[in-house]
Amino acid sequence: MNAREGINSLRGEINRSLAVMARLEAYFEEFQEHRLSPKAGTDEAMVVAQSLSNYYTCLETLFLRISQFFENGLDSNHWHQSLLDKMVIEIPDYRPRVISDTSRQALFELLKFRHFTRYYFDLDHDWDKLRYLMKKFNDVRNSVRTELEVFEKYLSKLAQTEE
């Protein structure tokens, strides 16, 4: 695969991830508006936890593809955090940052929660924490989408220079 094909493949990954994220966001938005009651219980907590986890996992998978394409080394002991940290770094003459520091901070909260839900099994979720994470999700989703679209446009221009 030549450089242009590789860039366009990564652009395809970004666009596919954006489509998946849009479906996840739409589902979760509808859930929050119409099915999440003020006296939410275990069933609702499970939906919130899984939705937040799925959203972050979708982003992390895309970040990993970006990192692999640009051969950004990751700390093997804490690669999830290292990966997220790499996405805010601009590498001059190589690639721009993928996301802002503000987005990284909100996504770090989702990363920590996803890690928690994968390794600590409990049906009794802390609704204060879930509401905090839902706010982080709602605050960051539009900016992350915009930032990824900007990065995809950068790749589009890069692909044109590789012709």
N, C-alpha and C. Protein backbone atom coordinates (compact mmCIF):
# COMPACT_ATOMS: atom_id res chain seq x y z
N MET A 1 0.86 -1.17 0.00
CA MET A 1 0.00 0.00 0.00
C MET A 1 0.90 1.24 0.00
N ASN A 2 0.64 2.14 -0.94
CA ASN A 2 1.45 3.36 -0.98
C ASN A 2 0.93 4.36 0.06
N ALA A 3 1.65 5.48 0.20
CA ALA A 3 1.32 6.47 1.24
C ALA A 3 -0.09 7.02 1.05
N ARG A 4 -0.44 7.34 -0.18
CA ARG A 4 -1.77 7.90 -0.44
C ARG A 4 -2.87 6.91 -0.07
N GLU A 5 -2.68 5.66 -0.42
CA GLU A 5 -3.68 4.64 -0.07
C GLU A 5 -3.79 4.49 1.45
N GLY A 6 -2.65 4.53 2.12
CA GLY A 6 -2.65 4.43 3.57
C GLY A 6 -3.39 5.60 4.23
N ILE A 7 -3.15 6.79 3.71
CA ILE A 7 -3.83 7.98 4.24
C ILE A 7 -5.33 7.87 4.00
N ASN A 8 -5.71 7.47 2.79
CA ASN A 8 -7.14 7.36 2.49
C ASN A 8 -7.80 6.24 3.29
N SER A 9 -7.05 5.20 3.59
CA SER A 9 -7.57 4.14 4.45
C SER A 9 -7.85 4.68 5.85
N LEU A 10 -6.91 5.48 6.37
CA LEU A 10 -7.10 6.09 7.69
C LEU A 10 -8.28 7.05 7.65
N ARG A 11 -8.43 7.80 6.58
CA ARG A 11 -9.60 8.69 6.44
C ARG A 11 -10.89 7.87 6.50
N GLY A 12 -10.88 6.71 5.85
CA GLY A 12 -12.05 5.83 5.90
C GLY A 12 -12.34 5.36 7.31
N GLU A 13 -11.30 5.04 8.07
CA GLU A 13 -11.46 4.63 9.47
C GLU A 13 -12.08 5.76 10.29
N ILE A 14 -11.62 6.98 10.05
CA ILE A 14 -12.16 8.13 10.78
C ILE A 14 -13.64 8.30 10.44
N ASN A 15 -13.97 8.26 9.17
CA ASN A 15 -15.36 8.44 8.77
C ASN A 15 -16.27 7.31 9.28
N ARG A 16 -15.76 6.10 9.27
CA ARG A 16 -16.53 4.98 9.81
C ARG A 16 -16.74 5.16 11.31
N SER A 17 -15.70 5.56 12.01
CA SER A 17 -15.81 5.78 13.46
C SER A 17 -16.78 6.92 13.77
N LEU A 18 -16.72 7.98 12.97
CA LEU A 18 -17.65 9.09 13.17
C LEU A 18 -19.10 8.63 13.00
N ALA A 19 -19.34 7.74 12.05
CA ALA A 19 -20.69 7.21 11.83
C ALA A 19 -21.14 6.36 13.03
N VAL A 20 -20.24 5.53 13.53
CA VAL A 20 -20.57 4.71 14.70
C VAL A 20 -20.82 5.61 15.91
N MET A 21 -19.96 6.61 16.09
CA MET A 21 -20.14 7.54 17.21
C MET A 21 -21.48 8.25 17.10
N ALA A 22 -21.88 8.64 15.91
CA ALA A 22 -23.16 9.33 15.72
C ALA A 22 -24.32 8.43 16.14
N ARG A 23 -24.24 7.15 15.80
CA ARG A 23 -25.30 6.22 16.23
C ARG A 23 -25.30 6.04 17.74
N LEU A 24 -24.12 5.90 18.34
CA LEU A 24 -24.03 5.78 19.79
C LEU A 24 -24.57 7.04 20.48
N GLU A 25 -24.18 8.19 19.96
CA GLU A 25 -24.64 9.46 20.54
C GLU A 25 -26.15 9.60 20.43
N ALA A 26 -26.70 9.26 19.27
CA ALA A 26 -28.15 9.39 19.07
C ALA A 26 -28.91 8.47 20.02
N TYR A 27 -28.43 7.22 20.15
CA TYR A 27 -29.07 6.30 21.07
C TYR A 27 -29.03 6.84 22.49
N PHE A 28 -27.85 7.27 22.92
CA PHE A 28 -27.68 7.71 24.30
C PHE A 28 -28.46 8.99 24.57
N GLU A 29 -28.50 9.88 23.60
CA GLU A 29 -29.28 11.11 23.75
C GLU A 29 -30.76 10.78 23.91
N GLU A 30 -31.26 9.89 23.07
CA GLU A 30 -32.67 9.49 23.16
C GLU A 30 -32.94 8.82 24.51
N PHE A 31 -32.02 7.99 24.95
CA PHE A 31 -32.18 7.32 26.25
C PHE A 31 -32.24 8.34 27.38
N GLN A 32 -31.33 9.30 27.36
CA GLN A 32 -31.30 10.31 28.42
C GLN A 32 -32.57 11.15 28.43
N GLU A 33 -33.08 11.49 27.26
CA GLU A 33 -34.24 12.37 27.18
C GLU A 33 -35.56 11.66 27.45
N HIS A 34 -35.68 10.39 27.08
CA HIS A 34 -36.99 9.74 27.11
C HIS A 34 -37.11 8.53 28.02
N ARG A 35 -36.00 7.93 28.39
CA ARG A 35 -36.11 6.69 29.17
C ARG A 35 -35.38 6.71 30.50
N LEU A 36 -34.66 7.76 30.79
CA LEU A 36 -33.93 7.85 32.04
C LEU A 36 -34.78 8.61 33.04
N SER A 37 -35.31 7.89 33.99
CA SER A 37 -36.19 8.52 34.97
C SER A 37 -35.38 9.09 36.13
N PRO A 38 -35.96 10.06 36.86
CA PRO A 38 -35.26 10.62 38.02
C PRO A 38 -34.97 9.56 39.10
N LYS A 39 -35.75 8.50 39.12
CA LYS A 39 -35.53 7.41 40.09
C LYS A 39 -34.92 6.19 39.40
N ALA A 40 -33.95 6.46 38.57
CA ALA A 40 -33.32 5.40 37.79
C ALA A 40 -32.69 4.36 38.71
N GLY A 41 -32.71 3.12 38.23
CA GLY A 41 -32.17 2.01 39.00
C GLY A 41 -31.08 1.27 38.24
N THR A 42 -30.97 0.01 38.55
CA THR A 42 -29.90 -0.83 38.01
C THR A 42 -29.98 -0.94 36.49
N ASP A 43 -31.17 -1.15 35.93
CA ASP A 43 -31.29 -1.30 34.49
C ASP A 43 -30.76 -0.06 33.76
N GLU A 44 -31.17 1.10 34.23
CA GLU A 44 -30.73 2.34 33.60
C GLU A 44 -29.23 2.54 33.79
N ALA A 45 -28.73 2.18 34.97
CA ALA A 45 -27.29 2.32 35.24
C ALA A 45 -26.48 1.44 34.28
N MET A 46 -26.98 0.26 34.02
CA MET A 46 -26.27 -0.63 33.10
C MET A 46 -26.24 -0.05 31.68
N VAL A 47 -27.33 0.57 31.25
CA VAL A 47 -27.36 1.19 29.93
C VAL A 47 -26.39 2.37 29.88
N VAL A 48 -26.40 3.20 30.90
CA VAL A 48 -25.49 4.35 30.95
C VAL A 48 -24.04 3.87 30.93
N ALA A 49 -23.71 2.92 31.78
CA ALA A 49 -22.33 2.41 31.86
C ALA A 49 -21.88 1.82 30.53
N GLN A 50 -22.73 1.01 29.92
CA GLN A 50 -22.35 0.39 28.65
C GLN A 50 -22.25 1.41 27.53
N SER A 51 -23.14 2.38 27.51
CA SER A 51 -23.11 3.42 26.48
C SER A 51 -21.83 4.24 26.56
N LEU A 52 -21.46 4.64 27.77
CA LEU A 52 -20.24 5.43 27.95
C LEU A 52 -19.01 4.60 27.58
N SER A 53 -19.00 3.34 27.98
CA SER A 53 -17.89 2.44 27.65
C SER A 53 -17.76 2.25 26.14
N ASN A 54 -18.89 2.00 25.48
CA ASN A 54 -18.87 1.79 24.03
C ASN A 54 -18.37 3.04 23.30
N TYR A 55 -18.82 4.19 23.73
CA TYR A 55 -18.40 5.44 23.11
C TYR A 55 -16.89 5.61 23.24
N TYR A 56 -16.37 5.43 24.43
CA TYR A 56 -14.93 5.62 24.61
C TYR A 56 -14.14 4.56 23.84
N THR A 57 -14.61 3.33 23.83
CA THR A 57 -13.91 2.26 23.12
C THR A 57 -13.85 2.55 21.63
N CYS A 58 -14.92 3.09 21.08
CA CYS A 58 -14.94 3.47 19.66
C CYS A 58 -13.85 4.51 19.40
N LEU A 59 -13.78 5.53 20.25
CA LEU A 59 -12.76 6.56 20.09
C LEU A 59 -11.35 5.99 20.27
N GLU A 60 -11.17 5.18 21.29
CA GLU A 60 -9.84 4.64 21.55
C GLU A 60 -9.36 3.78 20.38
N THR A 61 -10.25 3.02 19.78
CA THR A 61 -9.87 2.21 18.62
C THR A 61 -9.41 3.10 17.48
N LEU A 62 -10.12 4.20 17.25
CA LEU A 62 -9.70 5.14 16.22
C LEU A 62 -8.36 5.78 16.57
N PHE A 63 -8.20 6.19 17.81
CA PHE A 63 -6.93 6.78 18.23
C PHE A 63 -5.77 5.80 18.02
N LEU A 64 -6.02 4.54 18.28
CA LEU A 64 -4.98 3.53 18.08
C LEU A 64 -4.62 3.44 16.59
N ARG A 65 -5.60 3.47 15.71
CA ARG A 65 -5.33 3.43 14.26
C ARG A 65 -4.50 4.66 13.84
N ILE A 66 -4.84 5.81 14.37
CA ILE A 66 -4.10 7.03 14.05
C ILE A 66 -2.67 6.89 14.55
N SER A 67 -2.53 6.44 15.78
CA SER A 67 -1.20 6.27 16.37
C SER A 67 -0.36 5.27 15.58
N GLN A 68 -0.97 4.17 15.17
CA GLN A 68 -0.24 3.17 14.41
C GLN A 68 0.20 3.73 13.05
N PHE A 69 -0.69 4.49 12.41
CA PHE A 69 -0.36 5.05 11.10
C PHE A 69 0.84 5.99 11.20
N PHE A 70 0.85 6.82 12.24
CA PHE A 70 1.94 7.78 12.40
C PHE A 70 3.08 7.22 13.26
N GLU A 71 3.02 5.94 13.57
CA GLU A 71 4.06 5.24 14.30
C GLU A 71 4.44 5.94 15.61
N ASN A 72 3.41 6.36 16.33
CA ASN A 72 3.64 6.97 17.64
C ASN A 72 3.83 5.88 18.67
N GLY A 73 4.98 5.81 19.29
CA GLY A 73 5.24 4.80 20.32
C GLY A 73 4.38 5.04 21.55
N LEU A 74 3.97 3.95 22.18
CA LEU A 74 3.14 4.04 23.37
C LEU A 74 3.84 3.37 24.54
N ASP A 75 3.62 3.91 25.72
CA ASP A 75 4.12 3.30 26.95
C ASP A 75 3.38 1.97 27.13
N SER A 76 4.10 0.88 27.10
CA SER A 76 3.45 -0.44 27.15
C SER A 76 2.78 -0.72 28.50
N ASN A 77 3.23 -0.09 29.56
CA ASN A 77 2.62 -0.32 30.88
C ASN A 77 1.29 0.41 31.06
N HIS A 78 1.16 1.55 30.43
CA HIS A 78 -0.05 2.37 30.57
C HIS A 78 -0.48 2.85 29.18
N TRP A 79 -0.61 1.91 28.25
CA TRP A 79 -0.80 2.31 26.86
C TRP A 79 -2.11 3.04 26.62
N HIS A 80 -3.16 2.73 27.39
CA HIS A 80 -4.44 3.41 27.17
C HIS A 80 -4.29 4.92 27.44
N GLN A 81 -3.68 5.26 28.56
CA GLN A 81 -3.46 6.66 28.89
C GLN A 81 -2.43 7.28 27.95
N SER A 82 -1.39 6.55 27.64
CA SER A 82 -0.36 7.03 26.73
C SER A 82 -0.97 7.36 25.37
N LEU A 83 -1.86 6.51 24.90
CA LEU A 83 -2.52 6.74 23.62
C LEU A 83 -3.32 8.03 23.65
N LEU A 84 -4.11 8.21 24.69
CA LEU A 84 -4.91 9.43 24.82
C LEU A 84 -4.00 10.66 24.88
N ASP A 85 -2.91 10.56 25.62
CA ASP A 85 -1.96 11.67 25.72
C ASP A 85 -1.34 12.02 24.37
N LYS A 86 -1.06 11.01 23.54
CA LYS A 86 -0.46 11.25 22.22
C LYS A 86 -1.40 12.03 21.31
N MET A 87 -2.69 11.91 21.53
CA MET A 87 -3.66 12.56 20.63
C MET A 87 -3.70 14.07 20.80
N VAL A 88 -3.13 14.61 21.87
CA VAL A 88 -3.11 16.07 22.05
C VAL A 88 -1.77 16.68 21.62
N ILE A 89 -0.86 15.85 21.22
CA ILE A 89 0.46 16.33 20.84
C ILE A 89 0.53 16.60 19.35
N GLU A 90 0.96 17.81 19.01
CA GLU A 90 1.27 18.13 17.62
C GLU A 90 2.71 17.71 17.39
N ILE A 91 2.93 17.01 16.31
CA ILE A 91 4.28 16.62 15.94
C ILE A 91 4.64 17.45 14.70
N PRO A 92 5.41 18.54 14.90
CA PRO A 92 5.70 19.45 13.79
C PRO A 92 6.23 18.72 12.56
N ASP A 93 5.74 19.14 11.40
CA ASP A 93 6.12 18.57 10.11
C ASP A 93 5.72 17.11 9.95
N TYR A 94 4.87 16.60 10.85
CA TYR A 94 4.46 15.20 10.77
C TYR A 94 2.95 15.06 10.85
N ARG A 95 2.37 15.57 11.96
CA ARG A 95 0.92 15.56 12.08
C ARG A 95 0.48 16.58 13.12
N PRO A 96 -0.72 17.15 12.95
CA PRO A 96 -1.25 18.06 13.97
C PRO A 96 -1.82 17.25 15.14
N ARG A 97 -2.15 17.95 16.18
CA ARG A 97 -2.85 17.28 17.28
C ARG A 97 -4.18 16.77 16.75
N VAL A 98 -4.69 15.73 17.37
CA VAL A 98 -5.97 15.16 16.95
C VAL A 98 -7.11 15.77 17.76
N ILE A 99 -6.90 15.91 19.07
CA ILE A 99 -7.92 16.48 19.95
C ILE A 99 -7.31 17.56 20.83
N SER A 100 -8.16 18.37 21.42
CA SER A 100 -7.72 19.45 22.30
C SER A 100 -7.44 18.93 23.71
N ASP A 101 -6.76 19.74 24.50
CA ASP A 101 -6.52 19.40 25.90
C ASP A 101 -7.84 19.26 26.66
N THR A 102 -8.79 20.13 26.35
CA THR A 102 -10.09 20.08 27.02
C THR A 102 -10.80 18.75 26.72
N SER A 103 -10.77 18.34 25.48
CA SER A 103 -11.38 17.05 25.12
C SER A 103 -10.64 15.91 25.81
N ARG A 104 -9.33 15.98 25.84
CA ARG A 104 -8.55 14.93 26.48
C ARG A 104 -8.93 14.78 27.95
N GLN A 105 -9.13 15.90 28.64
CA GLN A 105 -9.49 15.83 30.06
C GLN A 105 -10.83 15.13 30.26
N ALA A 106 -11.81 15.47 29.45
CA ALA A 106 -13.12 14.83 29.57
C ALA A 106 -13.04 13.35 29.19
N LEU A 107 -12.31 13.06 28.12
CA LEU A 107 -12.18 11.66 27.69
C LEU A 107 -11.40 10.83 28.69
N PHE A 108 -10.48 11.44 29.40
CA PHE A 108 -9.74 10.71 30.43
C PHE A 108 -10.69 10.20 31.51
N GLU A 109 -11.69 10.99 31.84
CA GLU A 109 -12.70 10.53 32.82
C GLU A 109 -13.44 9.31 32.28
N LEU A 110 -13.78 9.32 31.00
CA LEU A 110 -14.46 8.16 30.40
C LEU A 110 -13.53 6.96 30.33
N LEU A 111 -12.25 7.18 30.06
CA LEU A 111 -11.27 6.10 30.06
C LEU A 111 -11.19 5.44 31.43
N LYS A 112 -11.08 6.25 32.48
CA LYS A 112 -11.00 5.70 33.84
C LYS A 112 -12.25 4.90 34.17
N PHE A 113 -13.40 5.42 33.79
CA PHE A 113 -14.65 4.72 34.06
C PHE A 113 -14.73 3.41 33.27
N ARG A 114 -14.34 3.45 32.01
CA ARG A 114 -14.36 2.22 31.21
C ARG A 114 -13.46 1.16 31.83
N HIS A 115 -12.29 1.57 32.29
CA HIS A 115 -11.38 0.65 32.96
C HIS A 115 -12.05 0.07 34.21
N PHE A 116 -12.68 0.92 34.98
CA PHE A 116 -13.36 0.48 36.19
C PHE A 116 -14.45 -0.55 35.88
N THR A 117 -15.27 -0.26 34.87
CA THR A 117 -16.37 -1.17 34.56
C THR A 117 -15.90 -2.50 33.99
N ARG A 118 -14.72 -2.52 33.40
CA ARG A 118 -14.20 -3.77 32.84
C ARG A 118 -13.64 -4.71 33.92
N TYR A 119 -13.17 -4.14 35.01
CA TYR A 119 -12.47 -4.97 35.99
C TYR A 119 -13.16 -5.07 37.35
N TYR A 120 -14.15 -4.24 37.59
CA TYR A 120 -14.87 -4.28 38.85
C TYR A 120 -16.34 -4.44 38.55
N PHE A 121 -16.84 -5.63 38.82
CA PHE A 121 -18.21 -5.95 38.45
C PHE A 121 -19.14 -5.63 39.61
N ASP A 122 -20.04 -4.74 39.36
CA ASP A 122 -20.98 -4.34 40.39
C ASP A 122 -22.24 -3.85 39.71
N LEU A 123 -23.37 -4.17 40.28
CA LEU A 123 -24.64 -3.71 39.73
C LEU A 123 -25.11 -2.43 40.41
N ASP A 124 -24.50 -2.06 41.51
CA ASP A 124 -24.89 -0.86 42.23
C ASP A 124 -23.96 0.29 41.85
N HIS A 125 -24.38 1.05 40.86
CA HIS A 125 -23.58 2.17 40.40
C HIS A 125 -23.88 3.42 41.21
N ASP A 126 -22.90 4.26 41.34
CA ASP A 126 -23.02 5.54 42.03
C ASP A 126 -23.63 6.53 41.03
N TRP A 127 -24.88 6.92 41.26
CA TRP A 127 -25.56 7.79 40.32
C TRP A 127 -24.96 9.18 40.26
N ASP A 128 -24.35 9.64 41.33
CA ASP A 128 -23.65 10.93 41.26
C ASP A 128 -22.51 10.85 40.25
N LYS A 129 -21.77 9.75 40.30
CA LYS A 129 -20.65 9.56 39.36
C LYS A 129 -21.18 9.39 37.93
N LEU A 130 -22.24 8.61 37.77
CA LEU A 130 -22.80 8.42 36.43
C LEU A 130 -23.29 9.74 35.84
N ARG A 131 -23.94 10.55 36.65
CA ARG A 131 -24.41 11.85 36.15
C ARG A 131 -23.23 12.76 35.78
N TYR A 132 -22.18 12.70 36.58
CA TYR A 132 -20.97 13.46 36.27
C TYR A 132 -20.39 13.00 34.92
N LEU A 133 -20.32 11.70 34.70
CA LEU A 133 -19.78 11.16 33.45
C LEU A 133 -20.70 11.45 32.27
N MET A 134 -22.00 11.43 32.50
CA MET A 134 -22.94 11.79 31.44
C MET A 134 -22.74 13.24 31.04
N LYS A 135 -22.48 14.11 32.01
CA LYS A 135 -22.21 15.51 31.72
C LYS A 135 -20.92 15.63 30.91
N LYS A 136 -19.89 14.90 31.30
CA LYS A 136 -18.62 14.93 30.56
C LYS A 136 -18.86 14.49 29.11
N PHE A 137 -19.61 13.40 28.94
CA PHE A 137 -19.93 12.91 27.60
C PHE A 137 -20.67 13.98 26.81
N ASN A 138 -21.70 14.55 27.39
CA ASN A 138 -22.50 15.56 26.70
C ASN A 138 -21.70 16.81 26.38
N ASP A 139 -20.76 17.16 27.25
CA ASP A 139 -19.91 18.33 27.02
C ASP A 139 -18.89 18.11 25.90
N VAL A 140 -18.38 16.88 25.77
CA VAL A 140 -17.25 16.64 24.89
C VAL A 140 -17.62 16.10 23.50
N ARG A 141 -18.76 15.52 23.35
CA ARG A 141 -19.05 14.79 22.11
C ARG A 141 -19.02 15.67 20.87
N ASN A 142 -19.53 16.88 20.94
CA ASN A 142 -19.53 17.75 19.77
C ASN A 142 -18.12 18.22 19.43
N SER A 143 -17.35 18.57 20.45
CA SER A 143 -15.99 19.04 20.17
C SER A 143 -15.11 17.91 19.61
N VAL A 144 -15.26 16.71 20.14
CA VAL A 144 -14.46 15.59 19.63
C VAL A 144 -14.82 15.32 18.17
N ARG A 145 -16.10 15.33 17.86
CA ARG A 145 -16.52 15.10 16.48
C ARG A 145 -15.91 16.17 15.56
N THR A 146 -16.00 17.42 15.97
CA THR A 146 -15.44 18.52 15.18
C THR A 146 -13.93 18.36 15.02
N GLU A 147 -13.24 18.03 16.09
CA GLU A 147 -11.79 17.85 16.04
C GLU A 147 -11.39 16.71 15.10
N LEU A 148 -12.15 15.64 15.13
CA LEU A 148 -11.86 14.52 14.23
C LEU A 148 -12.14 14.90 12.77
N GLU A 149 -13.16 15.68 12.54
CA GLU A 149 -13.44 16.15 11.18
C GLU A 149 -12.32 17.05 10.67
N VAL A 150 -11.79 17.90 11.54
CA VAL A 150 -10.66 18.76 11.16
C VAL A 150 -9.44 17.90 10.84
N PHE A 151 -9.19 16.88 11.65
CA PHE A 151 -8.05 16.01 11.42
C PHE A 151 -8.22 15.25 10.10
N GLU A 152 -9.43 14.82 9.81
CA GLU A 152 -9.70 14.12 8.54
C GLU A 152 -9.43 15.05 7.36
N LYS A 153 -9.77 16.33 7.48
CA LYS A 153 -9.49 17.30 6.41
C LYS A 153 -7.99 17.48 6.23
N TYR A 154 -7.25 17.46 7.33
CA TYR A 154 -5.79 17.51 7.23
C TYR A 154 -5.29 16.31 6.42
N LEU A 155 -5.83 15.13 6.72
CA LEU A 155 -5.41 13.93 6.00
C LEU A 155 -5.78 14.01 4.52
N SER A 156 -6.93 14.61 4.23
CA SER A 156 -7.34 14.80 2.84
C SER A 156 -6.33 15.63 2.08
N LYS A 157 -5.88 16.72 2.68
CA LYS A 157 -4.87 17.58 2.05
C LYS A 157 -3.54 16.83 1.93
N LEU A 158 -3.21 16.05 2.95
CA LEU A 158 -1.97 15.27 2.92
C LEU A 158 -2.02 14.25 1.78
N ALA A 159 -3.16 13.62 1.57
CA ALA A 159 -3.30 12.63 0.50
C ALA A 159 -3.10 13.30 -0.87
N GLN A 160 -3.56 14.52 -1.00
CA GLN A 160 -3.39 15.24 -2.28
C GLN A 160 -1.93 15.54 -2.56
N THR A 161 -1.16 15.77 -1.53
CA THR A 161 0.27 16.04 -1.74
C THR A 161 1.05 14.77 -2.08
N GLU A 162 0.45 13.61 -1.80
CA GLU A 162 1.11 12.33 -2.06
C GLU A 162 0.81 11.81 -3.46
N GLU A 163 0.07 12.56 -4.26
CA GLU A 163 -0.29 12.10 -5.61
C GLU A 163 0.88 12.07 -6.54
